[in-house]
Amino acid sequence: MTDLNLEIFARDQADGPVLFVVTGSSDEEHSLEPHRHARGQLFGSLRGLLTVVLDEGVWVVPAIHAVWLPPHHLHAGRTHGPFNGWSAYVAEHACESLPKRPCTLRTSGLLREAALRASTWPPGPLDEPRARVAEVILDEIRTLPVEALGLPSPRDPRLQKIAKALLADPANDRDLESWALWASMSSRTLSRRFVAETGFNFTAWRQRARLMRSLEMLAAGTPVTAIALDLGYSTASAFIGLFRRMFGETPAAYRSHLVPPTAPGAKPA
């Protein structure tokens, strides 16, 4: 199954319903080109991993999280391995009380079930029962805890050059002084501006880039030891320790959020 269409611009009209939800799934990797729209959007997943790319940075969406995008934010996306997800669109005027900046939310069971219920509605105005479900979804977006799964992008072109190189090859172990020389800047300037523009020092940002990539590799089924070595960790235990501190559980346990186990005798989802 390769039907994954979470972007439906024909229905993105100012006079449309306050909220509508669509679902999509794919057994293959899928990508969305950069675009923007007037509605706010919440990406969620039921299975697999979604990466959302914004001007502000890269956001990773495992099945226990969702990414909120306020209206008019340029974004692109891609899935990693089999994916089953949903996307809620919120009319611009209804976004006034919702988060003003893109953010990652920990998905609640209430939000997920309400979104799936809304995905079955036909196009058109909402009657009173549906309007109540829509308000539940909006209230969940408004109140769910924000979690730091994004990787902020620096604004300085020299730092962007370094960031792009690290995203392309997270295992690159070039030290800060070597990166500064490569980008034609002093190591002191690199260190100071990285903190000012991303909120992380250079070492922490690079570690975060590696951990973001590890989620993609987990979703693709790569063994934990291979992930550790491919991302430049000296041992698998070093990677597992850092992963646990970042995400609160081991890579093997976290993989269950990305690729749920198949019951004996059942067909894969």
C-alpha atoms as a PDB file:
ATOM      1  CA  MET A   1       0.000   0.000   0.000  1.00  0.00           C
ATOM      2  CA  THR A   2       1.526   3.337  -1.022  1.00  0.00           C
ATOM      3  CA  ASP A   3      -1.371   5.734  -0.490  1.00  0.00           C
ATOM      4  CA  LEU A   4      -0.062   8.563   1.665  1.00  0.00           C
ATOM      5  CA  ASN A   5      -1.702  11.930   1.104  1.00  0.00           C
ATOM      6  CA  LEU A   6      -1.753  14.081   4.229  1.00  0.00           C
ATOM      7  CA  GLU A   7      -1.768  17.345   2.264  1.00  0.00           C
ATOM      8  CA  ILE A   8      -5.056  18.190   0.537  1.00  0.00           C
ATOM      9  CA  PHE A   9      -5.011  21.777  -0.605  1.00  0.00           C
ATOM     10  CA  ALA A  10      -8.380  21.666  -2.409  1.00  0.00           C
ATOM     11  CA  ARG A  11     -10.106  21.583   0.980  1.00  0.00           C
ATOM     12  CA  ASP A  12      -7.862  24.244   2.543  1.00  0.00           C
ATOM     13  CA  GLN A  13     -10.362  27.085   2.167  1.00  0.00           C
ATOM     14  CA  ALA A  14     -11.078  29.963   4.524  1.00  0.00           C
ATOM     15  CA  ASP A  15     -14.803  29.213   4.517  1.00  0.00           C
ATOM     16  CA  GLY A  16     -14.319  25.484   5.195  1.00  0.00           C
ATOM     17  CA  PRO A  17     -14.848  23.722   8.533  1.00  0.00           C
ATOM     18  CA  VAL A  18     -12.930  24.798  11.624  1.00  0.00           C
ATOM     19  CA  LEU A  19     -11.145  21.469  11.629  1.00  0.00           C
ATOM     20  CA  PHE A  20     -10.801  18.403   9.448  1.00  0.00           C
ATOM     21  CA  VAL A  21      -8.549  15.345   9.684  1.00  0.00           C
ATOM     22  CA  VAL A  22      -7.133  13.051   7.013  1.00  0.00           C
ATOM     23  CA  THR A  23      -5.270   9.760   7.356  1.00  0.00           C
ATOM     24  CA  GLY A  24      -2.728   8.024   5.149  1.00  0.00           C
ATOM     25  CA  SER A  25      -0.428   5.017   5.119  1.00  0.00           C
ATOM     26  CA  SER A  26       2.438   3.619   3.090  1.00  0.00           C
ATOM     27  CA  ASP A  27       4.680   0.574   3.130  1.00  0.00           C
ATOM     28  CA  GLU A  28       7.382   2.607   1.390  1.00  0.00           C
ATOM     29  CA  GLU A  29       9.246   5.813   2.183  1.00  0.00           C
ATOM     30  CA  HIS A  30       7.377   8.911   1.083  1.00  0.00           C
ATOM     31  CA  SER A  31       8.307  12.596   0.864  1.00  0.00           C
ATOM     32  CA  LEU A  32       6.510  15.934   0.640  1.00  0.00           C
ATOM     33  CA  GLU A  33       8.102  18.889  -1.131  1.00  0.00           C
ATOM     34  CA  PRO A  34       8.395  22.255   0.689  1.00  0.00           C
ATOM     35  CA  HIS A  35       5.042  24.082   0.826  1.00  0.00           C
ATOM     36  CA  ARG A  36       2.864  26.194   3.111  1.00  0.00           C
ATOM     37  CA  HIS A  37      -0.854  26.751   3.695  1.00  0.00           C
ATOM     38  CA  ALA A  38      -3.194  29.066   5.566  1.00  0.00           C
ATOM     39  CA  ARG A  39      -4.443  26.426   8.011  1.00  0.00           C
ATOM     40  CA  GLY A  40      -2.582  25.242  11.075  1.00  0.00           C
ATOM     41  CA  GLN A  41      -1.569  21.586  10.897  1.00  0.00           C
ATOM     42  CA  LEU A  42      -0.894  18.823  13.397  1.00  0.00           C
ATOM     43  CA  PHE A  43       1.036  15.789  12.124  1.00  0.00           C
ATOM     44  CA  GLY A  44       0.557  12.541  14.058  1.00  0.00           C
ATOM     45  CA  SER A  45       1.497   8.928  13.457  1.00  0.00           C
ATOM     46  CA  LEU A  46       0.083   5.561  14.483  1.00  0.00           C
ATOM     47  CA  ARG A  47       3.026   3.556  13.172  1.00  0.00           C
ATOM     48  CA  GLY A  48       6.448   4.537  11.928  1.00  0.00           C
ATOM     49  CA  LEU A  49       8.455   7.736  11.924  1.00  0.00           C
ATOM     50  CA  LEU A  50       7.934  11.076  10.201  1.00  0.00           C
ATOM     51  CA  THR A  51      10.534  13.834   9.823  1.00  0.00           C
ATOM     52  CA  VAL A  52       9.259  17.387   9.312  1.00  0.00           C
ATOM     53  CA  VAL A  53      11.745  19.955   7.969  1.00  0.00           C
ATOM     54  CA  LEU A  54      11.155  23.652   8.781  1.00  0.00           C
ATOM     55  CA  ASP A  55      13.152  26.855   8.505  1.00  0.00           C
ATOM     56  CA  GLU A  56      13.565  26.578  12.281  1.00  0.00           C
ATOM     57  CA  GLY A  57      15.036  23.088  12.123  1.00  0.00           C
ATOM     58  CA  VAL A  58      14.260  19.396  11.818  1.00  0.00           C
ATOM     59  CA  TRP A  59      11.473  17.761  13.847  1.00  0.00           C
ATOM     60  CA  VAL A  60      11.167  14.008  14.332  1.00  0.00           C
ATOM     61  CA  VAL A  61       7.711  12.520  14.957  1.00  0.00           C
ATOM     62  CA  PRO A  62       7.576   8.984  16.394  1.00  0.00           C
ATOM     63  CA  ALA A  63       4.224   7.357  17.073  1.00  0.00           C
ATOM     64  CA  ILE A  64       3.931   8.790  20.597  1.00  0.00           C
ATOM     65  CA  HIS A  65       4.386  12.404  19.465  1.00  0.00           C
ATOM     66  CA  ALA A  66       2.888  14.938  17.064  1.00  0.00           C
ATOM     67  CA  VAL A  67       4.210  18.155  15.497  1.00  0.00           C
ATOM     68  CA  TRP A  68       2.141  21.340  15.521  1.00  0.00           C
ATOM     69  CA  LEU A  69       2.667  23.865  12.696  1.00  0.00           C
ATOM     70  CA  PRO A  70       0.948  27.268  12.928  1.00  0.00           C
ATOM     71  CA  PRO A  71      -0.444  28.704   9.672  1.00  0.00           C
ATOM     72  CA  HIS A  72       1.856  29.835   6.839  1.00  0.00           C
ATOM     73  CA  HIS A  73       4.977  27.957   8.003  1.00  0.00           C
ATOM     74  CA  LEU A  74       7.025  26.573   5.124  1.00  0.00           C
ATOM     75  CA  HIS A  75       7.597  22.848   5.698  1.00  0.00           C
ATOM     76  CA  ALA A  76       8.564  19.598   4.007  1.00  0.00           C
ATOM     77  CA  GLY A  77       8.448  16.026   5.264  1.00  0.00           C
ATOM     78  CA  ARG A  78       9.460  12.438   4.743  1.00  0.00           C
ATOM     79  CA  THR A  79       8.577   9.076   6.254  1.00  0.00           C
ATOM     80  CA  HIS A  80      11.020   6.350   7.225  1.00  0.00           C
ATOM     81  CA  GLY A  81       9.943   2.784   6.531  1.00  0.00           C
ATOM     82  CA  PRO A  82       6.277   1.704   6.815  1.00  0.00           C
ATOM     83  CA  PHE A  83       4.103   4.547   8.048  1.00  0.00           C
ATOM     84  CA  ASN A  84       0.505   5.048   9.115  1.00  0.00           C
ATOM     85  CA  GLY A  85      -0.467   8.541  10.194  1.00  0.00           C
ATOM     86  CA  TRP A  86      -2.991  11.334  10.389  1.00  0.00           C
ATOM     87  CA  SER A  87      -2.999  15.079   9.927  1.00  0.00           C
ATOM     88  CA  ALA A  88      -5.401  17.587  11.484  1.00  0.00           C
ATOM     89  CA  TYR A  89      -5.974  20.946   9.751  1.00  0.00           C
ATOM     90  CA  VAL A  90      -7.216  23.915  11.777  1.00  0.00           C
ATOM     91  CA  ALA A  91      -8.782  27.044  10.245  1.00  0.00           C
ATOM     92  CA  GLU A  92      -6.555  30.101  10.634  1.00  0.00           C
ATOM     93  CA  HIS A  93      -8.992  32.012  12.844  1.00  0.00           C
ATOM     94  CA  ALA A  94      -9.185  29.027  15.231  1.00  0.00           C
ATOM     95  CA  CYS A  95      -5.392  29.041  15.743  1.00  0.00           C
ATOM     96  CA  GLU A  96      -5.364  32.257  17.790  1.00  0.00           C
ATOM     97  CA  SER A  97      -5.221  30.414  21.132  1.00  0.00           C
ATOM     98  CA  LEU A  98      -2.949  27.605  19.894  1.00  0.00           C
ATOM     99  CA  PRO A  99       0.887  27.587  20.081  1.00  0.00           C
ATOM    100  CA  LYS A 100       2.404  30.395  18.003  1.00  0.00           C
ATOM    101  CA  ARG A 101       5.588  28.510  17.141  1.00  0.00           C
ATOM    102  CA  PRO A 102       6.122  24.986  15.719  1.00  0.00           C
ATOM    103  CA  CYS A 103       6.502  22.452  18.511  1.00  0.00           C
ATOM    104  CA  THR A 104       6.463  18.753  19.305  1.00  0.00           C
ATOM    105  CA  LEU A 105       3.681  17.455  21.567  1.00  0.00           C
ATOM    106  CA  ARG A 106       3.376  14.156  23.387  1.00  0.00           C
ATOM    107  CA  THR A 107       0.211  12.641  21.906  1.00  0.00           C
ATOM    108  CA  SER A 108      -2.549  11.646  24.313  1.00  0.00           C
ATOM    109  CA  GLY A 109      -4.921   8.761  23.753  1.00  0.00           C
ATOM    110  CA  LEU A 110      -7.762  11.293  23.785  1.00  0.00           C
ATOM    111  CA  LEU A 111      -6.195  13.342  20.969  1.00  0.00           C
ATOM    112  CA  ARG A 112      -5.457  10.278  18.872  1.00  0.00           C
ATOM    113  CA  GLU A 113      -8.944   8.807  19.182  1.00  0.00           C
ATOM    114  CA  ALA A 114     -10.653  12.152  18.581  1.00  0.00           C
ATOM    115  CA  ALA A 115      -8.508  12.735  15.469  1.00  0.00           C
ATOM    116  CA  LEU A 116      -9.327   9.285  14.105  1.00  0.00           C
ATOM    117  CA  ARG A 117     -13.039   9.893  14.729  1.00  0.00           C
ATOM    118  CA  ALA A 118     -12.805  13.227  12.872  1.00  0.00           C
ATOM    119  CA  SER A 119     -11.057  11.545   9.923  1.00  0.00           C
ATOM    120  CA  THR A 120     -14.308   9.673   9.152  1.00  0.00           C
ATOM    121  CA  TRP A 121     -16.382  12.849   8.749  1.00  0.00           C
ATOM    122  CA  PRO A 122     -17.537  13.904   5.284  1.00  0.00           C
ATOM    123  CA  PRO A 123     -16.484  17.350   3.983  1.00  0.00           C
ATOM    124  CA  GLY A 124     -18.628  20.274   5.072  1.00  0.00           C
ATOM    125  CA  PRO A 125     -19.790  22.255   8.125  1.00  0.00           C
ATOM    126  CA  LEU A 126     -19.677  20.535  11.517  1.00  0.00           C
ATOM    127  CA  ASP A 127     -22.874  19.745  13.355  1.00  0.00           C
ATOM    128  CA  GLU A 128     -23.019  20.157  17.141  1.00  0.00           C
ATOM    129  CA  PRO A 129     -21.669  16.687  18.129  1.00  0.00           C
ATOM    130  CA  ARG A 130     -18.788  16.979  15.646  1.00  0.00           C
ATOM    131  CA  ALA A 131     -18.048  20.524  16.773  1.00  0.00           C
ATOM    132  CA  ARG A 132     -17.616  19.205  20.328  1.00  0.00           C
ATOM    133  CA  VAL A 133     -15.094  16.590  19.137  1.00  0.00           C
ATOM    134  CA  ALA A 134     -13.287  19.300  17.157  1.00  0.00           C
ATOM    135  CA  GLU A 135     -13.055  21.426  20.301  1.00  0.00           C
ATOM    136  CA  VAL A 136     -11.532  18.478  22.174  1.00  0.00           C
ATOM    137  CA  ILE A 137      -8.804  18.262  19.523  1.00  0.00           C
ATOM    138  CA  LEU A 138      -8.133  21.995  19.721  1.00  0.00           C
ATOM    139  CA  ASP A 139      -8.006  21.858  23.510  1.00  0.00           C
ATOM    140  CA  GLU A 140      -5.510  18.979  23.399  1.00  0.00           C
ATOM    141  CA  ILE A 141      -3.252  20.942  21.019  1.00  0.00           C
ATOM    142  CA  ARG A 142      -3.559  23.894  23.393  1.00  0.00           C
ATOM    143  CA  THR A 143      -2.690  22.011  26.600  1.00  0.00           C
ATOM    144  CA  LEU A 144      -0.560  18.945  25.830  1.00  0.00           C
ATOM    145  CA  PRO A 145       3.028  19.097  27.127  1.00  0.00           C
ATOM    146  CA  VAL A 146       5.646  20.305  24.659  1.00  0.00           C
ATOM    147  CA  GLU A 147       8.668  18.022  24.268  1.00  0.00           C
ATOM    148  CA  ALA A 148      12.036  18.892  22.763  1.00  0.00           C
ATOM    149  CA  LEU A 149      12.421  16.554  19.790  1.00  0.00           C
ATOM    150  CA  GLY A 150      13.468  19.248  17.330  1.00  0.00           C
ATOM    151  CA  LEU A 151      16.919  20.082  16.055  1.00  0.00           C
ATOM    152  CA  PRO A 152      17.111  23.896  15.735  1.00  0.00           C
ATOM    153  CA  SER A 153      18.865  25.319  12.674  1.00  0.00           C
ATOM    154  CA  PRO A 154      21.424  28.115  13.025  1.00  0.00           C
ATOM    155  CA  ARG A 155      20.918  31.287  10.959  1.00  0.00           C
ATOM    156  CA  ASP A 156      24.542  32.243  10.256  1.00  0.00           C
ATOM    157  CA  PRO A 157      25.420  30.922   6.739  1.00  0.00           C
ATOM    158  CA  ARG A 158      28.740  29.565   8.034  1.00  0.00           C
ATOM    159  CA  LEU A 159      27.022  27.662  10.818  1.00  0.00           C
ATOM    160  CA  GLN A 160      24.367  26.443   8.377  1.00  0.00           C
ATOM    161  CA  LYS A 161      27.154  25.017   6.231  1.00  0.00           C
ATOM    162  CA  ILE A 162      28.470  23.069   9.232  1.00  0.00           C
ATOM    163  CA  ALA A 163      24.980  21.963  10.295  1.00  0.00           C
ATOM    164  CA  LYS A 164      24.144  20.650   6.812  1.00  0.00           C
ATOM    165  CA  ALA A 165      27.421  18.725   6.694  1.00  0.00           C
ATOM    166  CA  LEU A 166      26.703  17.130  10.082  1.00  0.00           C
ATOM    167  CA  LEU A 167      23.151  16.223   9.100  1.00  0.00           C
ATOM    168  CA  ALA A 168      24.504  14.578   5.945  1.00  0.00           C
ATOM    169  CA  ASP A 169      27.154  12.687   7.940  1.00  0.00           C
ATOM    170  CA  PRO A 170      26.385  12.644  11.703  1.00  0.00           C
ATOM    171  CA  ALA A 171      29.304  10.267  12.323  1.00  0.00           C
ATOM    172  CA  ASN A 172      31.851  12.897  11.245  1.00  0.00           C
ATOM    173  CA  ASP A 173      34.105  13.283  14.301  1.00  0.00           C
ATOM    174  CA  ARG A 174      35.948  16.429  13.175  1.00  0.00           C
ATOM    175  CA  ASP A 175      36.560  18.573  16.297  1.00  0.00           C
ATOM    176  CA  LEU A 176      35.278  22.104  16.818  1.00  0.00           C
ATOM    177  CA  GLU A 177      38.552  23.742  15.796  1.00  0.00           C
ATOM    178  CA  SER A 178      38.628  21.783  12.529  1.00  0.00           C
ATOM    179  CA  TRP A 179      35.004  22.678  11.754  1.00  0.00           C
ATOM    180  CA  ALA A 180      35.773  26.348  12.437  1.00  0.00           C
ATOM    181  CA  LEU A 181      38.719  26.279  10.055  1.00  0.00           C
ATOM    182  CA  TRP A 182      36.568  24.519   7.412  1.00  0.00           C
ATOM    183  CA  ALA A 183      33.891  27.224   7.721  1.00  0.00           C
ATOM    184  CA  SER A 184      36.431  30.095   7.737  1.00  0.00           C
ATOM    185  CA  MET A 185      35.670  31.349  11.243  1.00  0.00           C
ATOM    186  CA  SER A 186      37.320  31.246  14.643  1.00  0.00           C
ATOM    187  CA  SER A 187      36.504  28.410  17.033  1.00  0.00           C
ATOM    188  CA  ARG A 188      35.474  30.970  19.648  1.00  0.00           C
ATOM    189  CA  THR A 189      32.968  32.567  17.256  1.00  0.00           C
ATOM    190  CA  LEU A 190      31.628  29.170  16.210  1.00  0.00           C
ATOM    191  CA  SER A 191      31.122  28.125  19.823  1.00  0.00           C
ATOM    192  CA  ARG A 192      29.488  31.404  20.878  1.00  0.00           C
ATOM    193  CA  ARG A 193      27.176  31.737  17.893  1.00  0.00           C
ATOM    194  CA  PHE A 194      26.068  28.082  17.988  1.00  0.00           C
ATOM    195  CA  VAL A 195      24.735  28.568  21.510  1.00  0.00           C
ATOM    196  CA  ALA A 196      23.157  31.933  20.668  1.00  0.00           C
ATOM    197  CA  GLU A 197      21.385  30.657  17.530  1.00  0.00           C
ATOM    198  CA  THR A 198      20.346  27.106  18.491  1.00  0.00           C
ATOM    199  CA  GLY A 199      20.259  27.053  22.292  1.00  0.00           C
ATOM    200  CA  PHE A 200      22.797  24.192  22.298  1.00  0.00           C
ATOM    201  CA  ASN A 201      26.561  24.186  22.388  1.00  0.00           C
ATOM    202  CA  PHE A 202      28.247  22.609  19.372  1.00  0.00           C
ATOM    203  CA  THR A 203      28.903  19.243  21.032  1.00  0.00           C
ATOM    204  CA  ALA A 204      25.326  18.930  22.324  1.00  0.00           C
ATOM    205  CA  TRP A 205      23.892  19.894  18.913  1.00  0.00           C
ATOM    206  CA  ARG A 206      25.995  17.275  17.145  1.00  0.00           C
ATOM    207  CA  GLN A 207      24.982  14.654  19.698  1.00  0.00           C
ATOM    208  CA  ARG A 208      21.351  15.593  19.163  1.00  0.00           C
ATOM    209  CA  ALA A 209      21.764  15.281  15.375  1.00  0.00           C
ATOM    210  CA  ARG A 210      23.120  11.765  15.859  1.00  0.00           C
ATOM    211  CA  LEU A 211      20.228  10.789  18.112  1.00  0.00           C
ATOM    212  CA  MET A 212      17.682  12.174  15.633  1.00  0.00           C
ATOM    213  CA  ARG A 213      19.284  10.060  12.904  1.00  0.00           C
ATOM    214  CA  SER A 214      19.241   7.028  15.210  1.00  0.00           C
ATOM    215  CA  LEU A 215      15.430   7.262  15.342  1.00  0.00           C
ATOM    216  CA  GLU A 216      15.285   7.072  11.551  1.00  0.00           C
ATOM    217  CA  MET A 217      17.609   4.054  11.590  1.00  0.00           C
ATOM    218  CA  LEU A 218      15.552   2.337  14.307  1.00  0.00           C
ATOM    219  CA  ALA A 219      12.422   2.811  12.208  1.00  0.00           C
ATOM    220  CA  ALA A 220      14.225   1.238   9.243  1.00  0.00           C
ATOM    221  CA  GLY A 221      15.023  -1.865  11.329  1.00  0.00           C
ATOM    222  CA  THR A 222      18.788  -1.286  11.672  1.00  0.00           C
ATOM    223  CA  PRO A 223      20.284  -3.274  14.601  1.00  0.00           C
ATOM    224  CA  VAL A 224      21.239  -1.169  17.628  1.00  0.00           C
ATOM    225  CA  THR A 225      24.939  -2.099  17.456  1.00  0.00           C
ATOM    226  CA  ALA A 226      25.092  -1.151  13.784  1.00  0.00           C
ATOM    227  CA  ILE A 227      23.436   2.196  14.549  1.00  0.00           C
ATOM    228  CA  ALA A 228      25.991   2.924  17.263  1.00  0.00           C
ATOM    229  CA  LEU A 229      28.955   2.163  15.017  1.00  0.00           C
ATOM    230  CA  ASP A 230      27.509   3.914  11.962  1.00  0.00           C
ATOM    231  CA  LEU A 231      26.934   7.091  13.977  1.00  0.00           C
ATOM    232  CA  GLY A 232      30.459   7.168  15.353  1.00  0.00           C
ATOM    233  CA  TYR A 233      29.948   5.935  18.914  1.00  0.00           C
ATOM    234  CA  SER A 234      32.869   4.006  20.369  1.00  0.00           C
ATOM    235  CA  THR A 235      30.618   1.258  21.765  1.00  0.00           C
ATOM    236  CA  ALA A 236      26.974   0.223  21.621  1.00  0.00           C
ATOM    237  CA  SER A 237      26.695   0.785  25.383  1.00  0.00           C
ATOM    238  CA  ALA A 238      27.815   4.420  24.998  1.00  0.00           C
ATOM    239  CA  PHE A 239      25.078   4.994  22.432  1.00  0.00           C
ATOM    240  CA  ILE A 240      22.450   3.188  24.521  1.00  0.00           C
ATOM    241  CA  GLY A 241      23.335   5.295  27.572  1.00  0.00           C
ATOM    242  CA  LEU A 242      23.011   8.582  25.695  1.00  0.00           C
ATOM    243  CA  PHE A 243      19.801   7.430  24.022  1.00  0.00           C
ATOM    244  CA  ARG A 244      18.258   6.496  27.371  1.00  0.00           C
ATOM    245  CA  ARG A 245      19.132   9.905  28.839  1.00  0.00           C
ATOM    246  CA  MET A 246      17.541  11.667  25.868  1.00  0.00           C
ATOM    247  CA  PHE A 247      14.389   9.563  25.386  1.00  0.00           C
ATOM    248  CA  GLY A 248      13.906   7.884  28.755  1.00  0.00           C
ATOM    249  CA  GLU A 249      14.267   4.291  27.517  1.00  0.00           C
ATOM    250  CA  THR A 250      16.622   2.056  25.552  1.00  0.00           C
ATOM    251  CA  PRO A 251      16.722   2.038  21.739  1.00  0.00           C
ATOM    252  CA  ALA A 252      15.234  -1.467  21.677  1.00  0.00           C
ATOM    253  CA  ALA A 253      12.293  -0.380  23.850  1.00  0.00           C
ATOM    254  CA  TYR A 254      11.779   2.811  21.848  1.00  0.00           C
ATOM    255  CA  ARG A 255      11.679   0.839  18.608  1.00  0.00           C
ATOM    256  CA  SER A 256       8.326  -0.606  19.721  1.00  0.00           C
ATOM    257  CA  HIS A 257       6.815   2.882  19.313  1.00  0.00           C
ATOM    258  CA  LEU A 258       8.068   2.995  15.737  1.00  0.00           C
ATOM    259  CA  VAL A 259       7.449  -0.553  14.537  1.00  0.00           C
ATOM    260  CA  PRO A 260       4.885  -2.310  16.783  1.00  0.00           C
ATOM    261  CA  PRO A 261       5.389  -6.079  17.035  1.00  0.00           C
ATOM    262  CA  THR A 262       3.166  -8.302  14.897  1.00  0.00           C
ATOM    263  CA  ALA A 263       1.028 -10.846  16.765  1.00  0.00           C
ATOM    264  CA  PRO A 264       1.691 -14.527  15.964  1.00  0.00           C
ATOM    265  CA  GLY A 265      -0.193 -15.567  12.841  1.00  0.00           C
ATOM    266  CA  ALA A 266      -1.301 -12.008  12.065  1.00  0.00           C
ATOM    267  CA  LYS A 267      -0.495 -10.193   8.876  1.00  0.00           C
ATOM    268  CA  PRO A 268       1.754  -7.151   9.149  1.00  0.00           C
ATOM    269  CA  ALA A 269      -0.163  -3.877   9.461  1.00  0.00           C
END
